[in-house]
Amino acid sequence: MKVNQMSVTSRGPQETFALGERLGEILRPGDVVLLTGGLGAGKTTFAKGIAKGLGVEDEVTSPTFTRMAEYEGRIPLVHMDLYRLWEEAPSEEAALRALADLGWEDALESDAAVLMEWPGKAADAAGDALEVEFTAVPLPRVDERELHCRARGPRSQARLDEWVKRWLF
């Protein structure tokens, strides 16, 4: 039986990293992962885990100011952070033009795995993608995060199903 939605609780940054690493181990060329959640919710820690799972040896940082970074691993990784794009654009149309200028559609059509933080309006255009929403857990469990995962098509559903089977640490 395939799952299209699932949630897991991470009890700290190490578990968040490990969950990302396990996802990175199974990503395939053309897979798209969308990360949403508040500032400091664990998206970049998770992204670093994905990169490790893909065999990326370079230091992975959030490309907040460059908006897009590319890394070599078992398969290429394109890591986008679109937070500033949506914040700085004078209109949604301007933001979408800036996104097109970035070459994000080329990334989606490439043999890379695409990881997009703060996808905003680009989420719908990304098509079949695995969405991971990070939610901080209320005090006193300050390091815990809920990861709510949803597959948006058959490809991401297969990936979510495979990933869930690897969740046990």
N, C-alpha and C. Protein backbone atom coordinates (compact mmCIF):
# COMPACT_ATOMS: atom_id res chain seq x y z
N MET A 1 0.84 -1.19 0.00
CA MET A 1 0.00 0.00 0.00
C MET A 1 0.88 1.25 0.00
N LYS A 2 0.60 2.16 -0.88
CA LYS A 2 1.36 3.40 -0.98
C LYS A 2 0.71 4.45 -0.08
N VAL A 3 1.55 5.30 0.53
CA VAL A 3 1.06 6.39 1.36
C VAL A 3 1.25 7.69 0.60
N ASN A 4 0.33 8.65 0.78
CA ASN A 4 0.54 9.95 0.13
C ASN A 4 0.66 11.07 1.16
N GLN A 5 0.45 10.76 2.45
CA GLN A 5 0.66 11.73 3.52
C GLN A 5 1.19 11.00 4.73
N MET A 6 2.09 11.66 5.43
CA MET A 6 2.64 11.07 6.63
C MET A 6 3.25 12.17 7.47
N SER A 7 3.33 11.96 8.76
CA SER A 7 3.98 12.91 9.66
C SER A 7 4.96 12.15 10.54
N VAL A 8 6.02 12.85 10.92
CA VAL A 8 7.01 12.27 11.82
C VAL A 8 7.49 13.39 12.74
N THR A 9 7.84 13.04 13.96
CA THR A 9 8.39 14.00 14.90
C THR A 9 9.90 13.82 14.97
N SER A 10 10.62 14.90 14.77
CA SER A 10 12.06 14.92 14.96
C SER A 10 12.31 15.47 16.35
N ARG A 11 13.13 14.81 17.11
CA ARG A 11 13.39 15.22 18.49
C ARG A 11 14.60 16.14 18.62
N GLY A 12 15.16 16.56 17.50
CA GLY A 12 16.28 17.49 17.54
C GLY A 12 16.97 17.59 16.20
N PRO A 13 17.94 18.48 16.08
CA PRO A 13 18.63 18.69 14.81
C PRO A 13 19.28 17.42 14.24
N GLN A 14 19.80 16.55 15.11
CA GLN A 14 20.44 15.32 14.61
C GLN A 14 19.42 14.42 13.92
N GLU A 15 18.22 14.32 14.49
CA GLU A 15 17.19 13.50 13.86
C GLU A 15 16.68 14.16 12.57
N THR A 16 16.57 15.48 12.58
CA THR A 16 16.14 16.19 11.37
C THR A 16 17.14 15.94 10.25
N PHE A 17 18.43 16.04 10.57
CA PHE A 17 19.50 15.76 9.61
C PHE A 17 19.38 14.32 9.10
N ALA A 18 19.20 13.37 10.03
CA ALA A 18 19.12 11.95 9.67
C ALA A 18 17.92 11.66 8.77
N LEU A 19 16.79 12.29 9.04
CA LEU A 19 15.62 12.12 8.18
C LEU A 19 15.92 12.63 6.77
N GLY A 20 16.59 13.77 6.68
CA GLY A 20 16.99 14.29 5.37
C GLY A 20 17.96 13.36 4.68
N GLU A 21 18.92 12.84 5.43
CA GLU A 21 19.91 11.93 4.85
C GLU A 21 19.25 10.70 4.25
N ARG A 22 18.29 10.15 4.96
CA ARG A 22 17.59 8.96 4.46
C ARG A 22 16.80 9.28 3.19
N LEU A 23 16.23 10.47 3.12
CA LEU A 23 15.54 10.86 1.89
C LEU A 23 16.55 11.03 0.76
N GLY A 24 17.67 11.68 1.05
CA GLY A 24 18.70 11.88 0.03
C GLY A 24 19.20 10.56 -0.54
N GLU A 25 19.26 9.52 0.27
CA GLU A 25 19.75 8.21 -0.19
C GLU A 25 18.86 7.60 -1.27
N ILE A 26 17.58 7.99 -1.29
CA ILE A 26 16.66 7.37 -2.24
C ILE A 26 16.20 8.30 -3.37
N LEU A 27 16.62 9.57 -3.31
CA LEU A 27 16.20 10.49 -4.37
C LEU A 27 16.77 10.06 -5.71
N ARG A 28 16.00 10.34 -6.75
CA ARG A 28 16.39 9.98 -8.11
C ARG A 28 16.40 11.23 -8.97
N PRO A 29 17.07 11.17 -10.11
CA PRO A 29 17.07 12.32 -11.02
C PRO A 29 15.63 12.75 -11.35
N GLY A 30 15.39 14.04 -11.26
CA GLY A 30 14.07 14.59 -11.55
C GLY A 30 13.15 14.70 -10.35
N ASP A 31 13.55 14.17 -9.20
CA ASP A 31 12.72 14.30 -8.00
C ASP A 31 12.74 15.75 -7.52
N VAL A 32 11.60 16.20 -6.99
CA VAL A 32 11.47 17.56 -6.47
C VAL A 32 10.97 17.48 -5.03
N VAL A 33 11.64 18.21 -4.14
CA VAL A 33 11.25 18.26 -2.73
C VAL A 33 11.04 19.72 -2.37
N LEU A 34 9.87 20.03 -1.82
CA LEU A 34 9.50 21.39 -1.42
C LEU A 34 9.51 21.48 0.10
N LEU A 35 10.26 22.45 0.64
CA LEU A 35 10.35 22.61 2.09
C LEU A 35 9.68 23.91 2.51
N THR A 36 8.73 23.80 3.44
CA THR A 36 8.06 24.98 3.97
C THR A 36 8.12 24.94 5.49
N GLY A 37 7.93 26.11 6.09
CA GLY A 37 7.94 26.23 7.54
C GLY A 37 8.59 27.54 7.93
N GLY A 38 8.45 27.92 9.16
CA GLY A 38 8.97 29.20 9.63
C GLY A 38 10.48 29.27 9.64
N LEU A 39 10.98 30.46 9.85
CA LEU A 39 12.42 30.66 9.99
C LEU A 39 12.92 29.86 11.18
N GLY A 40 14.03 29.18 11.00
CA GLY A 40 14.60 28.39 12.08
C GLY A 40 13.88 27.08 12.37
N ALA A 41 13.03 26.64 11.45
CA ALA A 41 12.24 25.43 11.68
C ALA A 41 13.00 24.14 11.39
N GLY A 42 14.16 24.23 10.74
CA GLY A 42 14.94 23.04 10.47
C GLY A 42 15.11 22.70 9.00
N LYS A 43 14.65 23.57 8.11
CA LYS A 43 14.72 23.29 6.68
C LYS A 43 16.15 23.12 6.19
N THR A 44 17.05 24.00 6.61
CA THR A 44 18.43 23.92 6.13
C THR A 44 19.15 22.72 6.73
N THR A 45 18.88 22.38 7.97
CA THR A 45 19.45 21.17 8.57
C THR A 45 19.01 19.94 7.79
N PHE A 46 17.74 19.90 7.43
CA PHE A 46 17.19 18.82 6.63
C PHE A 46 17.85 18.79 5.26
N ALA A 47 18.03 19.95 4.64
CA ALA A 47 18.67 20.06 3.33
C ALA A 47 20.10 19.52 3.38
N LYS A 48 20.81 19.83 4.46
CA LYS A 48 22.17 19.32 4.62
C LYS A 48 22.17 17.79 4.70
N GLY A 49 21.15 17.23 5.37
CA GLY A 49 21.02 15.78 5.44
C GLY A 49 20.75 15.18 4.08
N ILE A 50 19.88 15.81 3.30
CA ILE A 50 19.60 15.33 1.94
C ILE A 50 20.90 15.32 1.13
N ALA A 51 21.66 16.40 1.22
CA ALA A 51 22.91 16.48 0.47
C ALA A 51 23.86 15.35 0.87
N LYS A 52 23.96 15.09 2.17
CA LYS A 52 24.84 14.00 2.63
C LYS A 52 24.36 12.67 2.07
N GLY A 53 23.04 12.45 2.08
CA GLY A 53 22.48 11.22 1.53
C GLY A 53 22.73 11.06 0.05
N LEU A 54 22.88 12.18 -0.64
CA LEU A 54 23.20 12.16 -2.07
C LEU A 54 24.70 12.04 -2.33
N GLY A 55 25.50 12.07 -1.28
CA GLY A 55 26.94 11.97 -1.44
C GLY A 55 27.62 13.28 -1.76
N VAL A 56 26.96 14.40 -1.48
CA VAL A 56 27.57 15.72 -1.69
C VAL A 56 28.64 15.93 -0.63
N GLU A 57 29.84 16.29 -1.06
CA GLU A 57 30.93 16.51 -0.11
C GLU A 57 31.12 17.97 0.25
N ASP A 58 30.62 18.89 -0.58
CA ASP A 58 30.75 20.32 -0.31
C ASP A 58 29.88 20.72 0.88
N GLU A 59 30.27 21.82 1.53
CA GLU A 59 29.46 22.39 2.61
C GLU A 59 28.19 22.97 2.00
N VAL A 60 27.05 22.55 2.51
CA VAL A 60 25.77 23.03 2.01
C VAL A 60 25.26 24.12 2.95
N THR A 61 24.95 25.26 2.38
CA THR A 61 24.37 26.36 3.14
C THR A 61 23.09 26.78 2.44
N SER A 62 22.26 27.50 3.14
CA SER A 62 21.03 27.97 2.52
C SER A 62 21.37 29.08 1.53
N PRO A 63 20.97 28.93 0.27
CA PRO A 63 21.30 29.94 -0.74
C PRO A 63 20.34 31.14 -0.70
N THR A 64 20.17 31.71 0.48
CA THR A 64 19.20 32.79 0.67
C THR A 64 19.49 33.98 -0.24
N PHE A 65 20.74 34.36 -0.38
CA PHE A 65 21.07 35.54 -1.16
C PHE A 65 21.36 35.22 -2.62
N THR A 66 21.86 34.02 -2.91
CA THR A 66 22.12 33.63 -4.30
C THR A 66 20.90 32.98 -4.92
N ARG A 67 20.00 32.51 -4.12
CA ARG A 67 18.74 31.87 -4.48
C ARG A 67 18.89 30.45 -5.00
N MET A 68 20.04 30.11 -5.60
CA MET A 68 20.19 28.76 -6.12
C MET A 68 21.65 28.34 -6.05
N ALA A 69 21.87 27.10 -5.60
CA ALA A 69 23.21 26.52 -5.56
C ALA A 69 23.12 25.12 -6.15
N GLU A 70 24.19 24.71 -6.80
CA GLU A 70 24.24 23.38 -7.39
C GLU A 70 25.40 22.61 -6.78
N TYR A 71 25.15 21.33 -6.52
CA TYR A 71 26.15 20.47 -5.89
C TYR A 71 26.24 19.16 -6.66
N GLU A 72 27.45 18.59 -6.68
CA GLU A 72 27.67 17.29 -7.30
C GLU A 72 27.65 16.21 -6.23
N GLY A 73 26.95 15.14 -6.53
CA GLY A 73 26.88 13.98 -5.66
C GLY A 73 26.56 12.77 -6.50
N ARG A 74 25.96 11.76 -5.89
CA ARG A 74 25.52 10.58 -6.64
C ARG A 74 24.70 11.01 -7.84
N ILE A 75 23.83 11.97 -7.64
CA ILE A 75 23.16 12.71 -8.70
C ILE A 75 23.29 14.18 -8.34
N PRO A 76 23.22 15.07 -9.32
CA PRO A 76 23.33 16.50 -8.98
C PRO A 76 22.17 16.94 -8.07
N LEU A 77 22.46 17.93 -7.24
CA LEU A 77 21.46 18.53 -6.37
C LEU A 77 21.37 20.02 -6.70
N VAL A 78 20.17 20.49 -6.98
CA VAL A 78 19.92 21.91 -7.15
C VAL A 78 19.14 22.34 -5.91
N HIS A 79 19.72 23.25 -5.14
CA HIS A 79 19.12 23.70 -3.89
C HIS A 79 18.71 25.16 -4.06
N MET A 80 17.43 25.44 -3.95
CA MET A 80 16.92 26.80 -4.09
C MET A 80 16.33 27.28 -2.77
N ASP A 81 16.53 28.56 -2.50
CA ASP A 81 15.89 29.22 -1.37
C ASP A 81 15.22 30.47 -1.95
N LEU A 82 13.90 30.45 -2.00
CA LEU A 82 13.16 31.52 -2.68
C LEU A 82 12.54 32.53 -1.72
N TYR A 83 12.94 32.48 -0.46
CA TYR A 83 12.37 33.39 0.54
C TYR A 83 12.50 34.85 0.11
N ARG A 84 13.70 35.28 -0.20
CA ARG A 84 13.93 36.69 -0.55
C ARG A 84 13.28 37.05 -1.89
N LEU A 85 13.18 36.09 -2.77
CA LEU A 85 12.54 36.35 -4.06
C LEU A 85 11.11 36.82 -3.85
N TRP A 86 10.37 36.12 -3.02
CA TRP A 86 8.96 36.48 -2.77
C TRP A 86 8.87 37.75 -1.93
N GLU A 87 9.82 37.94 -1.02
CA GLU A 87 9.79 39.12 -0.15
C GLU A 87 10.16 40.41 -0.87
N GLU A 88 11.08 40.34 -1.82
CA GLU A 88 11.62 41.54 -2.44
C GLU A 88 10.91 41.95 -3.72
N ALA A 89 10.21 41.05 -4.36
CA ALA A 89 9.57 41.38 -5.64
C ALA A 89 8.39 42.33 -5.41
N PRO A 90 8.23 43.33 -6.28
CA PRO A 90 7.14 44.27 -6.12
C PRO A 90 5.76 43.66 -6.42
N SER A 91 5.75 42.54 -7.15
CA SER A 91 4.47 41.87 -7.46
C SER A 91 4.74 40.39 -7.67
N GLU A 92 3.67 39.63 -7.67
CA GLU A 92 3.79 38.19 -7.92
C GLU A 92 4.34 37.94 -9.32
N GLU A 93 3.90 38.74 -10.29
CA GLU A 93 4.38 38.59 -11.67
C GLU A 93 5.88 38.84 -11.75
N ALA A 94 6.36 39.86 -11.02
CA ALA A 94 7.79 40.16 -11.01
C ALA A 94 8.58 39.01 -10.37
N ALA A 95 8.03 38.43 -9.33
CA ALA A 95 8.69 37.30 -8.67
C ALA A 95 8.77 36.11 -9.62
N LEU A 96 7.70 35.85 -10.34
CA LEU A 96 7.71 34.73 -11.28
C LEU A 96 8.68 34.97 -12.43
N ARG A 97 8.82 36.22 -12.88
CA ARG A 97 9.82 36.55 -13.91
C ARG A 97 11.23 36.32 -13.38
N ALA A 98 11.46 36.75 -12.14
CA ALA A 98 12.77 36.55 -11.53
C ALA A 98 13.08 35.06 -11.38
N LEU A 99 12.07 34.29 -11.06
CA LEU A 99 12.23 32.85 -10.95
C LEU A 99 12.58 32.25 -12.31
N ALA A 100 11.92 32.71 -13.35
CA ALA A 100 12.23 32.23 -14.70
C ALA A 100 13.66 32.61 -15.08
N ASP A 101 14.08 33.82 -14.74
CA ASP A 101 15.43 34.28 -15.03
C ASP A 101 16.48 33.42 -14.31
N LEU A 102 16.11 32.88 -13.17
CA LEU A 102 17.01 32.01 -12.42
C LEU A 102 17.29 30.70 -13.15
N GLY A 103 16.37 30.33 -14.03
CA GLY A 103 16.51 29.07 -14.74
C GLY A 103 15.93 27.89 -13.99
N TRP A 104 14.94 28.17 -13.15
CA TRP A 104 14.40 27.10 -12.32
C TRP A 104 13.68 26.03 -13.14
N GLU A 105 13.09 26.41 -14.27
CA GLU A 105 12.43 25.41 -15.11
C GLU A 105 13.44 24.44 -15.70
N ASP A 106 14.63 24.96 -16.06
CA ASP A 106 15.70 24.09 -16.54
C ASP A 106 16.09 23.09 -15.46
N ALA A 107 16.17 23.56 -14.22
CA ALA A 107 16.51 22.67 -13.11
C ALA A 107 15.47 21.57 -12.96
N LEU A 108 14.19 21.93 -13.10
CA LEU A 108 13.12 20.94 -12.96
C LEU A 108 13.16 19.90 -14.08
N GLU A 109 13.68 20.27 -15.23
CA GLU A 109 13.73 19.35 -16.37
C GLU A 109 15.07 18.63 -16.48
N SER A 110 15.97 18.88 -15.55
CA SER A 110 17.31 18.29 -15.60
C SER A 110 17.33 16.92 -14.93
N ASP A 111 18.53 16.34 -14.89
CA ASP A 111 18.73 15.06 -14.22
C ASP A 111 19.10 15.24 -12.76
N ALA A 112 18.86 16.42 -12.22
CA ALA A 112 19.18 16.70 -10.82
C ALA A 112 17.97 16.42 -9.94
N ALA A 113 18.23 16.26 -8.66
CA ALA A 113 17.17 16.32 -7.66
C ALA A 113 17.08 17.80 -7.29
N VAL A 114 15.86 18.31 -7.18
CA VAL A 114 15.64 19.72 -6.90
C VAL A 114 15.05 19.86 -5.51
N LEU A 115 15.69 20.68 -4.70
CA LEU A 115 15.25 20.95 -3.34
C LEU A 115 14.93 22.43 -3.26
N MET A 116 13.69 22.76 -2.93
CA MET A 116 13.24 24.14 -2.96
C MET A 116 12.72 24.55 -1.58
N GLU A 117 13.43 25.48 -0.93
CA GLU A 117 12.95 26.07 0.33
C GLU A 117 12.11 27.29 -0.02
N TRP A 118 11.05 27.51 0.73
CA TRP A 118 10.15 28.65 0.52
C TRP A 118 9.65 28.69 -0.93
N PRO A 119 9.02 27.63 -1.43
CA PRO A 119 8.64 27.61 -2.84
C PRO A 119 7.55 28.62 -3.21
N GLY A 120 6.71 29.02 -2.27
CA GLY A 120 5.67 29.99 -2.58
C GLY A 120 4.84 29.54 -3.78
N LYS A 121 4.58 30.48 -4.69
CA LYS A 121 3.74 30.21 -5.86
C LYS A 121 4.38 29.21 -6.82
N ALA A 122 5.67 28.97 -6.70
CA ALA A 122 6.34 28.01 -7.57
C ALA A 122 5.95 26.57 -7.24
N ALA A 123 5.37 26.34 -6.08
CA ALA A 123 5.01 24.98 -5.67
C ALA A 123 4.04 24.34 -6.67
N ASP A 124 3.05 25.09 -7.11
CA ASP A 124 2.09 24.53 -8.05
C ASP A 124 2.74 24.20 -9.38
N ALA A 125 3.63 25.06 -9.84
CA ALA A 125 4.30 24.84 -11.12
C ALA A 125 5.32 23.70 -11.05
N ALA A 126 5.74 23.33 -9.85
CA ALA A 126 6.73 22.26 -9.70
C ALA A 126 6.15 20.90 -10.03
N GLY A 127 4.83 20.78 -10.05
CA GLY A 127 4.19 19.53 -10.42
C GLY A 127 4.31 18.47 -9.35
N ASP A 128 4.64 17.26 -9.77
CA ASP A 128 4.75 16.11 -8.88
C ASP A 128 5.95 16.33 -7.96
N ALA A 129 5.67 16.64 -6.72
CA ALA A 129 6.74 16.96 -5.77
C ALA A 129 6.37 16.44 -4.39
N LEU A 130 7.38 16.20 -3.59
CA LEU A 130 7.19 15.80 -2.20
C LEU A 130 7.27 17.06 -1.35
N GLU A 131 6.19 17.40 -0.66
CA GLU A 131 6.15 18.57 0.21
C GLU A 131 6.48 18.14 1.64
N VAL A 132 7.36 18.89 2.28
CA VAL A 132 7.68 18.64 3.68
C VAL A 132 7.51 19.96 4.41
N GLU A 133 6.53 20.00 5.30
CA GLU A 133 6.26 21.20 6.09
C GLU A 133 6.78 21.00 7.50
N PHE A 134 7.60 21.95 7.95
CA PHE A 134 8.20 21.90 9.28
C PHE A 134 7.41 22.77 10.24
N THR A 135 7.04 22.19 11.38
CA THR A 135 6.30 22.93 12.40
C THR A 135 6.99 22.73 13.74
N ALA A 136 7.31 23.82 14.40
CA ALA A 136 7.92 23.74 15.73
C ALA A 136 6.89 23.22 16.73
N VAL A 137 7.35 22.40 17.64
CA VAL A 137 6.49 21.85 18.69
C VAL A 137 6.51 22.83 19.86
N PRO A 138 5.37 23.05 20.52
CA PRO A 138 5.33 24.01 21.64
C PRO A 138 6.25 23.62 22.79
N LEU A 139 6.57 24.63 23.59
CA LEU A 139 7.40 24.40 24.78
C LEU A 139 6.78 23.32 25.64
N PRO A 140 7.53 22.53 26.35
CA PRO A 140 8.95 22.66 26.63
C PRO A 140 9.82 21.89 25.65
N ARG A 141 9.25 21.33 24.59
CA ARG A 141 10.01 20.48 23.67
C ARG A 141 10.61 21.34 22.55
N VAL A 142 11.45 22.28 22.90
CA VAL A 142 11.92 23.33 22.01
C VAL A 142 12.67 22.80 20.78
N ASP A 143 13.34 21.67 20.87
CA ASP A 143 14.10 21.14 19.74
C ASP A 143 13.28 20.24 18.82
N GLU A 144 12.06 19.93 19.21
CA GLU A 144 11.25 19.03 18.41
C GLU A 144 10.57 19.75 17.26
N ARG A 145 10.42 19.01 16.15
CA ARG A 145 9.74 19.51 14.96
C ARG A 145 8.83 18.42 14.44
N GLU A 146 7.67 18.84 13.99
CA GLU A 146 6.79 17.93 13.26
C GLU A 146 7.08 18.13 11.78
N LEU A 147 7.30 17.06 11.07
CA LEU A 147 7.47 17.11 9.63
C LEU A 147 6.22 16.49 9.02
N HIS A 148 5.43 17.32 8.37
CA HIS A 148 4.20 16.87 7.70
C HIS A 148 4.54 16.72 6.22
N CYS A 149 4.42 15.51 5.73
CA CYS A 149 4.85 15.19 4.38
C CYS A 149 3.65 14.83 3.51
N ARG A 150 3.66 15.34 2.28
CA ARG A 150 2.56 15.06 1.36
C ARG A 150 3.11 14.88 -0.05
N ALA A 151 2.71 13.79 -0.68
CA ALA A 151 3.09 13.53 -2.07
C ALA A 151 2.07 14.17 -2.98
N ARG A 152 2.56 14.83 -4.03
CA ARG A 152 1.68 15.52 -4.97
C ARG A 152 1.57 14.82 -6.31
N GLY A 153 1.86 13.55 -6.35
CA GLY A 153 1.76 12.78 -7.59
C GLY A 153 2.36 11.40 -7.40
N PRO A 154 2.29 10.56 -8.43
CA PRO A 154 2.74 9.17 -8.29
C PRO A 154 4.24 9.02 -8.04
N ARG A 155 5.05 9.88 -8.64
CA ARG A 155 6.49 9.80 -8.44
C ARG A 155 6.84 10.11 -6.98
N SER A 156 6.31 11.21 -6.47
CA SER A 156 6.60 11.59 -5.08
C SER A 156 5.94 10.63 -4.11
N GLN A 157 4.83 10.04 -4.50
CA GLN A 157 4.18 9.05 -3.64
C GLN A 157 5.07 7.82 -3.47
N ALA A 158 5.70 7.40 -4.56
CA ALA A 158 6.62 6.26 -4.47
C ALA A 158 7.81 6.60 -3.59
N ARG A 159 8.32 7.82 -3.72
CA ARG A 159 9.46 8.23 -2.92
C ARG A 159 9.08 8.32 -1.44
N LEU A 160 7.89 8.89 -1.14
CA LEU A 160 7.44 8.99 0.25
C LEU A 160 7.29 7.60 0.86
N ASP A 161 6.72 6.68 0.12
CA ASP A 161 6.52 5.33 0.60
C ASP A 161 7.87 4.68 0.94
N GLU A 162 8.84 4.85 0.06
CA GLU A 162 10.16 4.28 0.30
C GLU A 162 10.86 4.96 1.48
N TRP A 163 10.70 6.28 1.58
CA TRP A 163 11.32 7.04 2.67
C TRP A 163 10.76 6.63 4.02
N VAL A 164 9.44 6.48 4.10
CA VAL A 164 8.79 6.11 5.37
C VAL A 164 9.36 4.79 5.88
N LYS A 165 9.66 3.87 4.98
CA LYS A 165 10.22 2.59 5.38
C LYS A 165 11.62 2.72 5.98
N ARG A 166 12.27 3.87 5.79
CA ARG A 166 13.62 4.10 6.32
C ARG A 166 13.62 4.99 7.55
N TRP A 167 12.45 5.39 8.05
CA TRP A 167 12.39 6.33 9.16
C TRP A 167 12.95 5.80 10.45
N LEU A 168 12.91 4.52 10.67
CA LEU A 168 13.42 3.98 11.92
C LEU A 168 14.91 4.20 12.00
N PHE A 169 15.35 4.77 13.08
CA PHE A 169 16.77 5.07 13.27
C PHE A 169 17.43 3.85 13.81
